[in-house]
């Protein structure tokens, strides 16, 4: 794993931990925690320049992938696998589907 990939992975973990902490401490739900995202991105960029943007792109990509998998089911999963998508990435995106559905109802 390259140093850039490690930084990107760590940045995503930092963002997720901060947002989770904000949600737990304030007793708010995910849609409310999203208003803190600009602050979290700025904090991440202060620690590792550019990491806030990388984390946002990664998050947006996973959400889009989860929506494709939810809409397309097994056929979409097979097509993505045939295109060379990593099976672990597909599984991670599928794991987001319940949380995305719950957040959209909140």
N, C-alpha and C. Protein backbone atom coordinates (compact mmCIF):
# COMPACT_ATOMS: atom_id res chain seq x y z
N UNK A 1 0.85 -1.17 0.00
CA UNK A 1 0.00 0.00 0.00
C UNK A 1 0.90 1.24 0.00
N UNK A 2 0.61 2.15 -0.91
CA UNK A 2 1.43 3.35 -1.01
C UNK A 2 1.17 4.29 0.15
N UNK A 3 2.07 5.22 0.35
CA UNK A 3 1.93 6.21 1.44
C UNK A 3 0.68 7.06 1.22
N UNK A 4 0.37 7.38 -0.05
CA UNK A 4 -0.83 8.18 -0.35
C UNK A 4 -2.08 7.39 0.04
N UNK A 5 -2.10 6.11 -0.30
CA UNK A 5 -3.25 5.28 0.04
C UNK A 5 -3.43 5.17 1.56
N UNK A 6 -2.31 5.07 2.28
CA UNK A 6 -2.38 5.02 3.74
C UNK A 6 -2.92 6.33 4.30
N UNK A 7 -2.47 7.44 3.76
CA UNK A 7 -2.95 8.75 4.22
C UNK A 7 -4.44 8.89 3.94
N UNK A 8 -4.86 8.47 2.74
CA UNK A 8 -6.28 8.55 2.39
C UNK A 8 -7.11 7.69 3.33
N UNK A 9 -6.65 6.50 3.63
CA UNK A 9 -7.39 5.60 4.52
C UNK A 9 -7.46 6.19 5.93
N UNK A 10 -6.35 6.73 6.41
CA UNK A 10 -6.33 7.33 7.74
C UNK A 10 -7.23 8.56 7.79
N UNK A 11 -7.23 9.36 6.74
CA UNK A 11 -8.06 10.56 6.71
C UNK A 11 -9.54 10.19 6.77
N UNK A 12 -9.93 9.16 6.05
CA UNK A 12 -11.32 8.71 6.08
C UNK A 12 -11.70 8.22 7.47
N UNK A 13 -10.78 7.52 8.13
CA UNK A 13 -11.05 7.04 9.49
C UNK A 13 -11.20 8.20 10.46
N UNK A 14 -10.35 9.22 10.31
CA UNK A 14 -10.42 10.39 11.19
C UNK A 14 -11.76 11.09 11.01
N UNK A 15 -12.16 11.29 9.77
CA UNK A 15 -13.44 11.96 9.50
C UNK A 15 -14.59 11.17 10.10
N UNK A 16 -14.61 9.87 9.87
CA UNK A 16 -15.69 9.03 10.39
C UNK A 16 -15.73 9.06 11.91
N UNK A 17 -14.57 9.01 12.54
CA UNK A 17 -14.52 9.02 14.00
C UNK A 17 -15.01 10.35 14.57
N UNK A 18 -14.62 11.45 13.93
CA UNK A 18 -15.06 12.76 14.41
C UNK A 18 -16.57 12.90 14.26
N UNK A 19 -17.10 12.53 13.10
CA UNK A 19 -18.55 12.63 12.90
C UNK A 19 -19.31 11.71 13.85
N UNK A 20 -18.78 10.52 14.09
CA UNK A 20 -19.43 9.60 15.02
C UNK A 20 -19.40 10.19 16.43
N UNK A 21 -18.27 10.74 16.81
CA UNK A 21 -18.16 11.36 18.13
C UNK A 21 -19.11 12.52 18.31
N UNK A 22 -19.23 13.35 17.29
CA UNK A 22 -20.15 14.49 17.36
C UNK A 22 -21.58 13.97 17.52
N UNK A 23 -21.94 12.97 16.75
CA UNK A 23 -23.30 12.42 16.82
C UNK A 23 -23.58 11.81 18.19
N UNK A 24 -22.61 11.12 18.76
CA UNK A 24 -22.81 10.47 20.05
C UNK A 24 -22.84 11.48 21.20
N UNK A 25 -21.93 12.44 21.17
CA UNK A 25 -21.84 13.41 22.26
C UNK A 25 -23.06 14.31 22.29
N UNK A 26 -23.46 14.80 21.15
CA UNK A 26 -24.59 15.71 21.10
C UNK A 26 -25.93 15.01 21.04
N UNK A 27 -25.92 13.68 20.90
CA UNK A 27 -27.17 12.94 20.81
C UNK A 27 -27.99 13.30 19.59
N UNK A 28 -27.31 13.59 18.49
CA UNK A 28 -28.01 13.97 17.26
C UNK A 28 -27.92 12.85 16.25
N UNK A 29 -28.78 12.90 15.23
CA UNK A 29 -28.77 11.88 14.19
C UNK A 29 -27.86 12.29 13.05
N UNK A 30 -27.55 11.34 12.19
CA UNK A 30 -26.61 11.56 11.10
C UNK A 30 -26.90 12.80 10.25
N UNK A 31 -28.14 13.03 9.81
CA UNK A 31 -28.36 14.23 8.98
C UNK A 31 -27.96 15.53 9.69
N UNK A 32 -28.13 15.58 10.99
CA UNK A 32 -27.70 16.75 11.75
C UNK A 32 -26.17 16.83 11.83
N UNK A 33 -25.52 15.68 11.93
CA UNK A 33 -24.06 15.66 12.01
C UNK A 33 -23.42 16.15 10.73
N UNK A 34 -24.14 16.03 9.61
CA UNK A 34 -23.58 16.45 8.33
C UNK A 34 -23.28 17.94 8.28
N UNK A 35 -23.96 18.72 9.11
CA UNK A 35 -23.68 20.16 9.10
C UNK A 35 -22.28 20.46 9.65
N UNK A 36 -21.68 19.48 10.34
CA UNK A 36 -20.33 19.65 10.86
C UNK A 36 -19.25 19.24 9.86
N UNK A 37 -19.66 18.68 8.72
CA UNK A 37 -18.69 18.19 7.75
C UNK A 37 -17.69 19.25 7.29
N UNK A 38 -18.10 20.49 7.02
CA UNK A 38 -17.10 21.49 6.62
C UNK A 38 -16.02 21.69 7.69
N UNK A 39 -16.42 21.68 8.95
CA UNK A 39 -15.46 21.83 10.04
C UNK A 39 -14.52 20.63 10.08
N UNK A 40 -15.08 19.43 9.93
CA UNK A 40 -14.28 18.21 9.95
C UNK A 40 -13.29 18.20 8.79
N UNK A 41 -13.76 18.59 7.60
CA UNK A 41 -12.87 18.64 6.43
C UNK A 41 -11.75 19.64 6.65
N UNK A 42 -12.08 20.80 7.22
CA UNK A 42 -11.04 21.81 7.49
C UNK A 42 -10.03 21.29 8.49
N UNK A 43 -10.51 20.60 9.51
CA UNK A 43 -9.61 20.03 10.51
C UNK A 43 -8.69 18.98 9.87
N UNK A 44 -9.27 18.12 9.05
CA UNK A 44 -8.46 17.10 8.37
C UNK A 44 -7.44 17.74 7.44
N UNK A 45 -7.85 18.78 6.72
CA UNK A 45 -6.92 19.47 5.82
C UNK A 45 -5.79 20.14 6.59
N UNK A 46 -6.08 20.59 7.80
CA UNK A 46 -5.03 21.20 8.63
C UNK A 46 -4.00 20.17 9.05
N UNK A 47 -4.47 18.94 9.31
CA UNK A 47 -3.56 17.87 9.73
C UNK A 47 -2.78 17.32 8.54
N UNK A 48 -3.51 16.99 7.48
CA UNK A 48 -2.89 16.46 6.26
C UNK A 48 -3.52 17.21 5.08
N UNK A 49 -2.79 18.16 4.50
CA UNK A 49 -3.36 18.97 3.42
C UNK A 49 -3.97 18.11 2.30
N UNK A 50 -5.21 18.43 1.95
CA UNK A 50 -5.90 17.72 0.89
C UNK A 50 -6.69 16.51 1.35
N UNK A 51 -6.48 16.07 2.58
CA UNK A 51 -7.13 14.84 3.04
C UNK A 51 -8.64 14.99 3.19
N UNK A 52 -9.11 16.18 3.54
CA UNK A 52 -10.55 16.39 3.65
C UNK A 52 -11.24 16.19 2.31
N UNK A 53 -10.61 16.68 1.26
CA UNK A 53 -11.17 16.52 -0.08
C UNK A 53 -11.13 15.06 -0.53
N UNK A 54 -10.05 14.39 -0.24
CA UNK A 54 -9.92 12.98 -0.61
C UNK A 54 -10.98 12.16 0.12
N UNK A 55 -11.18 12.43 1.39
CA UNK A 55 -12.19 11.69 2.16
C UNK A 55 -13.58 11.94 1.61
N UNK A 56 -13.87 13.18 1.21
CA UNK A 56 -15.19 13.50 0.66
C UNK A 56 -15.42 12.77 -0.67
N UNK A 57 -14.40 12.75 -1.52
CA UNK A 57 -14.53 12.04 -2.80
C UNK A 57 -14.73 10.55 -2.55
N UNK A 58 -13.99 9.99 -1.62
CA UNK A 58 -14.13 8.56 -1.31
C UNK A 58 -15.53 8.26 -0.77
N UNK A 59 -16.01 9.12 0.12
CA UNK A 59 -17.35 8.92 0.67
C UNK A 59 -18.42 9.02 -0.42
N UNK A 60 -18.33 10.04 -1.26
CA UNK A 60 -19.29 10.21 -2.35
C UNK A 60 -19.28 9.02 -3.30
N UNK A 61 -18.09 8.51 -3.58
CA UNK A 61 -17.96 7.35 -4.48
C UNK A 61 -18.59 6.11 -3.88
N UNK A 62 -18.37 5.87 -2.59
CA UNK A 62 -18.96 4.71 -1.94
C UNK A 62 -20.48 4.81 -1.88
N UNK A 63 -20.98 6.01 -1.62
CA UNK A 63 -22.43 6.20 -1.59
C UNK A 63 -23.03 5.93 -2.97
N UNK A 64 -22.40 6.45 -4.01
CA UNK A 64 -22.89 6.22 -5.38
C UNK A 64 -22.84 4.74 -5.72
N UNK A 65 -21.77 4.08 -5.34
CA UNK A 65 -21.63 2.65 -5.60
C UNK A 65 -22.71 1.86 -4.85
N UNK A 66 -22.98 2.24 -3.62
CA UNK A 66 -24.02 1.56 -2.83
C UNK A 66 -25.39 1.73 -3.49
N UNK A 67 -25.66 2.91 -4.01
CA UNK A 67 -26.94 3.14 -4.68
C UNK A 67 -27.08 2.29 -5.94
N UNK A 68 -25.99 2.16 -6.71
CA UNK A 68 -26.00 1.32 -7.90
C UNK A 68 -26.26 -0.14 -7.51
N UNK A 69 -25.59 -0.60 -6.47
CA UNK A 69 -25.76 -1.98 -6.02
C UNK A 69 -27.17 -2.22 -5.50
N UNK A 70 -27.73 -1.25 -4.80
CA UNK A 70 -29.08 -1.39 -4.28
C UNK A 70 -30.10 -1.45 -5.41
N UNK A 71 -29.94 -0.59 -6.40
CA UNK A 71 -30.88 -0.55 -7.52
C UNK A 71 -30.71 -1.74 -8.45
N UNK A 72 -29.47 -2.17 -8.66
CA UNK A 72 -29.20 -3.22 -9.65
C UNK A 72 -29.12 -4.62 -9.11
N UNK A 73 -29.02 -4.76 -7.79
CA UNK A 73 -28.98 -6.09 -7.18
C UNK A 73 -27.80 -6.93 -7.62
N UNK A 74 -28.05 -8.22 -7.77
CA UNK A 74 -26.99 -9.17 -8.12
C UNK A 74 -26.38 -8.89 -9.49
N UNK A 75 -27.21 -8.40 -10.42
CA UNK A 75 -26.69 -8.11 -11.76
C UNK A 75 -25.66 -6.99 -11.70
N UNK A 76 -25.94 -5.97 -10.90
CA UNK A 76 -24.99 -4.86 -10.76
C UNK A 76 -23.71 -5.34 -10.09
N UNK A 77 -23.86 -6.18 -9.08
CA UNK A 77 -22.68 -6.72 -8.39
C UNK A 77 -21.82 -7.53 -9.35
N UNK A 78 -22.44 -8.36 -10.16
CA UNK A 78 -21.69 -9.17 -11.13
C UNK A 78 -21.01 -8.29 -12.17
N UNK A 79 -21.72 -7.27 -12.64
CA UNK A 79 -21.14 -6.36 -13.64
C UNK A 79 -19.94 -5.61 -13.07
N UNK A 80 -20.07 -5.12 -11.84
CA UNK A 80 -18.95 -4.40 -11.21
C UNK A 80 -17.76 -5.32 -11.01
N UNK A 81 -18.04 -6.54 -10.62
CA UNK A 81 -16.97 -7.52 -10.43
C UNK A 81 -16.27 -7.81 -11.76
N UNK A 82 -17.07 -7.96 -12.82
CA UNK A 82 -16.50 -8.21 -14.15
C UNK A 82 -15.69 -7.03 -14.65
N UNK A 83 -16.04 -5.81 -14.21
CA UNK A 83 -15.29 -4.62 -14.60
C UNK A 83 -13.98 -4.47 -13.83
N UNK A 84 -13.78 -5.32 -12.83
CA UNK A 84 -12.54 -5.29 -12.08
C UNK A 84 -12.63 -4.63 -10.72
N UNK A 85 -13.84 -4.29 -10.28
CA UNK A 85 -13.97 -3.72 -8.94
C UNK A 85 -13.59 -4.78 -7.92
N UNK A 86 -12.90 -4.36 -6.89
CA UNK A 86 -12.47 -5.24 -5.82
C UNK A 86 -13.69 -5.77 -5.08
N UNK A 87 -13.71 -7.06 -4.80
CA UNK A 87 -14.87 -7.65 -4.12
C UNK A 87 -15.05 -7.10 -2.71
N UNK A 88 -13.96 -6.75 -2.06
CA UNK A 88 -14.06 -6.15 -0.71
C UNK A 88 -14.71 -4.77 -0.79
N UNK A 89 -14.39 -4.01 -1.83
CA UNK A 89 -15.00 -2.69 -2.02
C UNK A 89 -16.50 -2.84 -2.28
N UNK A 90 -16.87 -3.81 -3.09
CA UNK A 90 -18.28 -4.07 -3.37
C UNK A 90 -19.00 -4.45 -2.08
N UNK A 91 -18.38 -5.30 -1.28
CA UNK A 91 -18.98 -5.71 -0.01
C UNK A 91 -19.13 -4.51 0.94
N UNK A 92 -18.11 -3.65 0.99
CA UNK A 92 -18.19 -2.46 1.84
C UNK A 92 -19.35 -1.56 1.40
N UNK A 93 -19.48 -1.38 0.10
CA UNK A 93 -20.55 -0.53 -0.42
C UNK A 93 -21.92 -1.15 -0.12
N UNK A 94 -22.03 -2.47 -0.26
CA UNK A 94 -23.29 -3.14 0.07
C UNK A 94 -23.62 -2.97 1.55
N UNK A 95 -22.60 -2.95 2.38
CA UNK A 95 -22.80 -2.76 3.82
C UNK A 95 -23.35 -1.39 4.18
N UNK A 96 -23.16 -0.42 3.30
CA UNK A 96 -23.66 0.93 3.54
C UNK A 96 -25.15 1.08 3.24
N UNK A 97 -25.70 0.18 2.47
CA UNK A 97 -27.09 0.33 2.01
C UNK A 97 -28.08 0.50 3.16
N UNK A 98 -28.05 -0.33 4.21
CA UNK A 98 -29.01 -0.12 5.30
C UNK A 98 -28.88 1.25 5.98
N UNK A 99 -27.65 1.70 6.18
CA UNK A 99 -27.44 3.01 6.82
C UNK A 99 -27.93 4.14 5.92
N UNK A 100 -27.72 4.02 4.62
CA UNK A 100 -28.20 5.06 3.69
C UNK A 100 -29.71 5.12 3.69
N UNK A 101 -30.34 3.96 3.70
CA UNK A 101 -31.81 3.92 3.72
C UNK A 101 -32.34 4.51 5.02
N UNK A 102 -31.70 4.18 6.14
CA UNK A 102 -32.12 4.71 7.44
C UNK A 102 -31.93 6.23 7.49
N UNK A 103 -30.82 6.72 6.96
CA UNK A 103 -30.56 8.16 6.96
C UNK A 103 -31.54 8.91 6.10
N UNK A 104 -31.98 8.29 5.00
CA UNK A 104 -32.92 8.98 4.11
C UNK A 104 -34.32 9.08 4.73
N UNK A 105 -34.62 8.18 5.66
CA UNK A 105 -35.91 8.22 6.35
C UNK A 105 -35.92 9.20 7.52
N UNK A 106 -34.73 9.55 8.01
CA UNK A 106 -34.63 10.44 9.19
C UNK A 106 -34.98 11.87 8.85
